[in-house]
Amino acid sequence: MQGTDGFRVEGFFEKNGVNEKISCKWAEGKKEIYANDIIYEKPSDHIGKYASVIIAPDDIELINGASEQRRKWVDSILGQTDMLYLENLLTYQKVLLQRNAWLKQQNTAPSIDRAALDFYNEKLVETGNYIHQKRAEFIDLFLPVLQKLYTQLCNGKEQVQIIYETDLSEKKLAAWLESSFQQDIRLQRTSRGLHKDDWDFILNTSVLKNFASQGQKKSFLFALKLAQYEYLRTHHHNNPILLLDDIFEKLDQKRAEALFQMIQHPDFGQVLLTDTHIERVKIAFGDKNSIDFINLQ
């Protein structure tokens, strides 16, 4: 529908025996989400209602890319399982923009009145402490699941680890905001805080992105996403939808077979899979009545 100024997508969902129509409308840059034709006051109110996990070719950037990719990934998981986390995160991001705007203003119109800055610092500390606590707790719960799944995919030949890197491991956020103030003035942005957090993915004793082979990275990525699936299922007490987008083209047979076996387990919920070779998928899954094939020419 090129040339139009908007679109509407809707789907029908069943959860715990209850059927519901969810619609998303986008027009002239504005997004609206509806449940049974009743609009949400805030689109964020819908987050976490129907959990899903997608594995797609671009996801390798979770390993190879910058820290922002990993922060968004962690935030997307915690935002679906903890509404208070989502609220604190949105507030932190909003106040961070305001603080950065204040810092930029000092370059052209310096002010000795620090009342606004003190307010921004206070809100960043208040929301940042909660974000930090939940991110640390997340790794403690998530890591054992990841290690178990990676072992299943790789027959226990390698060990994986996640290390949470954060400024708050050295000192409290309030102390950072105070001690880095002059640097922030020079840089015209907030140089320390939760918006700089990162997670190191470790294979045996080496950082995965720097030393692992492509096959090892793919195995880690699949284990990472399946662990995400398990984490969401545990917290929501029902199965997320698993979306697999064209991931089998570059998989070797052993990894593909291990992944096929895992997602065919009775504990898994609905799986939506795209592939360029329908026969390959039919061979992998066999002749099962629970599978529908749609051939798009």
Protein backbone atom coordinates (compact mmCIF):
# COMPACT_ATOMS: atom_id res chain seq x y z
CA MET A 1 0.00 0.00 0.00
CA GLN A 2 2.72 2.47 -0.96
CA GLY A 3 1.61 6.08 -1.10
CA THR A 4 -0.89 5.78 1.74
CA ASP A 5 -0.44 7.66 5.03
CA GLY A 6 -1.22 4.76 7.36
CA PHE A 7 -2.19 1.14 7.90
CA ARG A 8 -4.11 -1.14 10.24
CA VAL A 9 -3.19 -4.67 11.34
CA GLU A 10 -5.34 -6.91 13.49
CA GLY A 11 -5.09 -10.43 14.87
CA PHE A 12 -7.16 -12.79 16.99
CA PHE A 13 -5.57 -14.25 20.10
CA GLU A 14 -6.57 -16.94 22.58
CA LYS A 15 -5.12 -16.93 26.08
CA ASN A 16 -6.32 -18.99 29.05
CA GLY A 17 -9.53 -19.78 27.20
CA VAL A 18 -10.33 -16.12 26.45
CA ASN A 19 -10.50 -14.87 22.84
CA GLU A 20 -9.52 -11.30 22.01
CA LYS A 21 -9.03 -9.14 18.94
CA ILE A 22 -5.97 -6.90 19.00
CA SER A 23 -5.62 -4.11 16.44
CA CYS A 24 -2.80 -1.70 15.70
CA LYS A 25 -3.43 1.46 13.70
CA TRP A 26 -0.72 3.79 12.44
CA ALA A 27 -1.55 7.04 10.68
CA GLU A 28 0.37 10.27 10.16
CA GLY A 29 3.10 9.21 12.59
CA LYS A 30 0.72 8.27 15.41
CA LYS A 31 0.25 4.70 16.69
CA GLU A 32 -2.90 3.43 18.39
CA ILE A 33 -3.54 -0.06 19.83
CA TYR A 34 -7.00 -1.51 20.47
CA ALA A 35 -8.28 -4.52 22.42
CA ASN A 36 -11.72 -5.64 21.16
CA ASP A 37 -12.01 -2.24 19.44
CA ILE A 38 -11.37 -0.33 22.69
CA ILE A 39 -8.31 1.90 22.49
CA TYR A 40 -5.53 1.72 25.05
CA GLU A 41 -4.88 5.07 26.72
CA LYS A 42 -1.16 4.37 26.34
CA PRO A 43 0.37 1.89 23.84
CA SER A 44 2.72 0.79 26.63
CA ASP A 45 -0.31 -0.63 28.48
CA HIS A 46 -0.33 -3.47 25.95
CA ILE A 47 3.29 -4.49 26.53
CA GLY A 48 3.58 -7.95 28.07
CA LYS A 49 0.00 -8.99 27.38
CA TYR A 50 0.93 -11.45 24.63
CA ALA A 51 4.58 -12.40 24.91
CA SER A 52 6.54 -13.41 21.84
CA VAL A 53 10.15 -14.21 20.98
CA ILE A 54 11.60 -13.77 17.51
CA ILE A 55 14.78 -15.25 16.08
CA ALA A 56 15.81 -13.53 12.85
CA PRO A 57 19.03 -13.13 10.82
CA ASP A 58 19.67 -9.59 12.09
CA ASP A 59 19.68 -10.82 15.70
CA ILE A 60 23.38 -11.63 15.38
CA GLU A 61 23.88 -7.92 16.16
CA LEU A 62 23.00 -8.79 19.75
CA ILE A 63 26.43 -10.39 19.85
CA ASN A 64 28.41 -8.36 17.32
CA GLY A 65 26.78 -4.96 17.75
CA ALA A 66 27.11 -2.05 20.16
CA SER A 67 25.93 -2.04 23.78
CA GLU A 68 22.67 -0.30 22.81
CA GLN A 69 21.48 -3.51 21.14
CA ARG A 70 21.96 -5.52 24.32
CA ARG A 71 20.35 -2.87 26.54
CA LYS A 72 17.26 -2.81 24.30
CA TRP A 73 17.09 -6.60 24.45
CA VAL A 74 17.26 -6.76 28.26
CA ASP A 75 14.82 -3.86 28.58
CA SER A 76 12.37 -5.56 26.20
CA ILE A 77 12.31 -8.65 28.41
CA LEU A 78 12.04 -6.87 31.75
CA GLY A 79 9.51 -4.42 30.35
CA GLN A 80 7.21 -7.35 29.50
CA THR A 81 7.47 -8.94 32.94
CA ASP A 82 7.61 -5.93 35.30
CA MET A 83 5.39 -2.92 34.64
CA LEU A 84 7.17 -0.94 37.35
CA TYR A 85 10.47 -1.55 35.53
CA LEU A 86 8.94 -0.20 32.31
CA GLU A 87 7.62 2.89 34.09
CA ASN A 88 10.99 3.57 35.72
CA LEU A 89 12.82 3.03 32.43
CA LEU A 90 10.56 5.43 30.51
CA THR A 91 10.98 8.05 33.25
CA TYR A 92 14.77 7.57 33.32
CA GLN A 93 15.00 8.01 29.54
CA LYS A 94 12.79 11.11 29.60
CA VAL A 95 14.75 12.76 32.43
CA LEU A 96 18.05 11.83 30.77
CA LEU A 97 17.00 13.76 27.66
CA GLN A 98 16.06 16.73 29.85
CA ARG A 99 19.38 16.64 31.70
CA ASN A 100 21.30 16.44 28.43
CA ALA A 101 19.34 19.42 27.08
CA TRP A 102 20.25 21.37 30.25
CA LEU A 103 23.93 20.47 29.79
CA LYS A 104 23.88 21.66 26.17
CA GLN A 105 22.22 24.90 27.23
CA GLN A 106 25.15 25.65 29.56
CA ASN A 107 27.39 25.92 26.50
CA THR A 108 25.45 28.89 25.13
CA ALA A 109 23.62 30.29 28.18
CA PRO A 110 25.40 29.25 31.41
CA SER A 111 23.38 29.36 34.62
CA ILE A 112 24.45 29.27 38.26
CA ASP A 113 21.00 28.00 39.25
CA ARG A 114 21.32 24.25 39.69
CA ALA A 115 17.75 23.61 40.86
CA ALA A 116 16.77 21.93 37.58
CA LEU A 117 19.97 19.88 37.54
CA ASP A 118 19.40 18.73 41.12
CA PHE A 119 15.88 17.63 40.18
CA TYR A 120 17.15 15.68 37.15
CA ASN A 121 19.86 14.01 39.24
CA GLU A 122 17.35 13.04 41.92
CA LYS A 123 14.97 11.45 39.40
CA LEU A 124 17.80 9.60 37.62
CA VAL A 125 18.97 8.15 40.94
CA GLU A 126 15.46 7.23 42.02
CA THR A 127 14.59 5.39 38.81
CA GLY A 128 18.13 4.19 38.09
CA ASN A 129 18.46 2.30 41.36
CA TYR A 130 15.39 0.23 40.56
CA ILE A 131 16.57 -0.43 36.99
CA HIS A 132 19.99 -1.52 38.23
CA GLN A 133 18.53 -3.85 40.85
CA LYS A 134 16.23 -5.57 38.35
CA ARG A 135 18.93 -5.93 35.69
CA ALA A 136 21.22 -7.60 38.22
CA GLU A 137 18.44 -9.94 39.39
CA PHE A 138 17.61 -10.78 35.78
CA ILE A 139 21.10 -12.09 35.04
CA ASP A 140 21.08 -14.25 38.18
CA LEU A 141 17.83 -15.92 37.05
CA PHE A 142 18.53 -15.98 33.32
CA LEU A 143 22.08 -17.32 33.22
CA PRO A 144 21.42 -20.89 34.50
CA VAL A 145 18.69 -21.33 31.87
CA LEU A 146 21.00 -20.08 29.13
CA GLN A 147 23.80 -22.41 30.20
CA LYS A 148 21.47 -25.41 30.19
CA LEU A 149 20.14 -24.66 26.70
CA TYR A 150 23.58 -23.96 25.24
CA THR A 151 24.76 -27.31 26.59
CA GLN A 152 21.85 -29.05 24.83
CA LEU A 153 22.67 -27.36 21.52
CA CYS A 154 26.42 -28.06 21.70
CA ASN A 155 26.56 -31.37 23.58
CA GLY A 156 28.23 -29.80 26.60
CA LYS A 157 31.56 -29.07 24.91
CA GLU A 158 31.76 -25.39 25.90
CA GLN A 159 30.81 -23.12 28.81
CA VAL A 160 29.05 -19.77 28.46
CA GLN A 161 28.77 -16.84 30.86
CA ILE A 162 27.19 -13.38 30.96
CA ILE A 163 28.88 -10.55 32.87
CA TYR A 164 26.85 -7.46 33.70
CA GLU A 165 28.99 -4.34 33.14
CA THR A 166 27.67 -1.21 34.88
CA ASP A 167 29.04 2.03 36.34
CA LEU A 168 27.12 1.23 39.52
CA SER A 169 29.46 -1.66 40.31
CA GLU A 170 32.08 0.97 41.19
CA LYS A 171 30.01 3.56 43.06
CA LYS A 172 26.45 4.81 43.43
CA LEU A 173 24.77 6.75 40.63
CA ALA A 174 24.43 9.91 42.75
CA ALA A 175 28.20 9.94 43.27
CA TRP A 176 28.83 9.45 39.54
CA LEU A 177 26.53 12.32 38.56
CA GLU A 178 28.36 14.62 40.95
CA SER A 179 31.94 13.56 40.18
CA SER A 180 31.45 13.56 36.39
CA PHE A 181 29.63 16.92 36.29
CA GLN A 182 32.51 18.92 34.77
CA GLN A 183 33.09 16.23 32.15
CA ASP A 184 29.37 16.23 31.36
CA ILE A 185 29.51 20.00 30.84
CA ARG A 186 32.36 19.59 28.37
CA LEU A 187 30.72 16.69 26.54
CA GLN A 188 27.23 18.26 26.76
CA ARG A 189 25.76 14.91 27.71
CA THR A 190 25.48 12.59 30.71
CA SER A 191 28.55 10.37 30.55
CA ARG A 192 27.77 7.97 33.42
CA GLY A 193 24.70 5.97 34.35
CA LEU A 194 22.41 3.07 33.52
CA HIS A 195 22.25 4.18 29.86
CA LYS A 196 25.86 2.98 29.55
CA ASP A 197 25.24 -0.55 30.85
CA ASP A 198 26.43 -3.53 28.82
CA TRP A 199 26.57 -7.31 29.04
CA ASP A 200 29.66 -9.31 28.06
CA PHE A 201 28.84 -12.67 26.45
CA ILE A 202 31.63 -15.10 27.33
CA LEU A 203 32.50 -18.42 25.67
CA ASN A 204 34.81 -20.43 27.92
CA THR A 205 37.14 -17.56 28.96
CA SER A 206 36.93 -15.27 25.91
CA VAL A 207 34.52 -12.53 24.84
CA LEU A 208 32.22 -14.15 22.29
CA LYS A 209 32.09 -11.29 19.74
CA ASN A 210 35.89 -11.13 19.47
CA PHE A 211 36.95 -14.79 19.35
CA ALA A 212 34.02 -17.12 18.60
CA SER A 213 33.36 -18.76 15.23
CA GLN A 214 30.17 -18.02 13.30
CA GLY A 215 28.78 -21.41 14.32
CA GLN A 216 29.47 -20.74 18.00
CA LYS A 217 27.83 -17.32 17.75
CA LYS A 218 24.72 -18.84 16.15
CA SER A 219 24.50 -21.51 18.82
CA PHE A 220 24.81 -18.89 21.53
CA LEU A 221 22.17 -16.71 19.86
CA PHE A 222 19.69 -19.58 19.65
CA ALA A 223 20.33 -20.50 23.29
CA LEU A 224 19.93 -16.84 24.25
CA LYS A 225 16.55 -16.52 22.54
CA LEU A 226 15.28 -19.87 23.82
CA ALA A 227 16.31 -18.85 27.33
CA GLN A 228 14.34 -15.64 26.77
CA TYR A 229 11.38 -17.83 25.83
CA GLU A 230 11.74 -19.83 29.06
CA TYR A 231 12.09 -16.67 31.15
CA LEU A 232 8.92 -15.14 29.71
CA ARG A 233 7.00 -18.40 30.07
CA THR A 234 7.99 -18.67 33.73
CA HIS A 235 6.90 -15.14 34.52
CA HIS A 236 3.67 -15.13 32.48
CA HIS A 237 2.70 -18.75 33.33
CA ASN A 238 1.87 -19.45 29.69
CA ASN A 239 3.73 -20.03 26.44
CA PRO A 240 4.92 -17.09 24.35
CA ILE A 241 4.62 -17.26 20.56
CA LEU A 242 7.92 -18.26 18.95
CA LEU A 243 8.72 -16.59 15.61
CA LEU A 244 11.52 -18.07 13.48
CA ASP A 245 12.34 -15.93 10.45
CA ASP A 246 14.50 -17.56 7.76
CA ILE A 247 17.10 -18.90 10.19
CA PHE A 248 17.81 -22.36 8.76
CA GLU A 249 19.53 -21.34 5.53
CA LYS A 250 22.95 -20.96 7.17
CA LEU A 251 22.63 -23.57 9.92
CA ASP A 252 24.65 -26.75 9.80
CA GLN A 253 22.65 -29.98 10.08
CA LYS A 254 23.56 -30.80 13.69
CA ARG A 255 22.51 -27.41 15.02
CA ALA A 256 19.35 -27.42 12.91
CA GLU A 257 18.37 -30.88 14.17
CA ALA A 258 18.99 -29.87 17.79
CA LEU A 259 16.88 -26.74 17.37
CA PHE A 260 14.08 -28.60 15.56
CA GLN A 261 13.99 -31.18 18.35
CA MET A 262 13.76 -28.51 21.05
CA ILE A 263 10.94 -26.49 19.46
CA GLN A 264 8.88 -29.64 18.77
CA HIS A 265 8.78 -30.44 22.48
CA PRO A 266 5.20 -30.59 23.86
CA ASP A 267 6.03 -27.77 26.28
CA PHE A 268 6.38 -25.30 23.42
CA GLY A 269 3.42 -23.23 22.33
CA GLN A 270 2.64 -21.85 18.88
CA VAL A 271 5.59 -21.57 16.49
CA LEU A 272 5.48 -19.44 13.31
CA LEU A 273 8.32 -20.26 10.93
CA THR A 274 9.36 -18.82 7.58
CA ASP A 275 11.75 -20.55 5.20
CA THR A 276 12.58 -20.38 1.51
CA HIS A 277 12.41 -24.18 1.07
CA ILE A 278 9.11 -25.72 2.11
CA GLU A 279 10.35 -29.25 1.52
CA ARG A 280 13.20 -28.74 3.99
CA VAL A 281 10.71 -27.77 6.68
CA LYS A 282 8.40 -30.69 5.86
CA ILE A 283 11.30 -33.13 6.16
CA ALA A 284 12.42 -31.60 9.46
CA PHE A 285 8.99 -31.69 11.08
CA GLY A 286 7.58 -34.76 9.42
CA ASP A 287 3.96 -35.39 8.54
CA LYS A 288 2.17 -33.91 11.55
CA ASN A 289 -1.44 -32.80 11.71
CA SER A 290 -0.55 -29.95 14.09
CA ILE A 291 1.48 -28.16 11.40
CA ASP A 292 0.01 -25.92 8.71
CA PHE A 293 2.06 -25.02 5.63
CA ILE A 294 1.39 -21.86 3.63
CA ASN A 295 3.25 -21.56 0.35
CA LEU A 296 3.64 -17.92 -0.76
CA GLN A 297 4.74 -17.71 -4.39
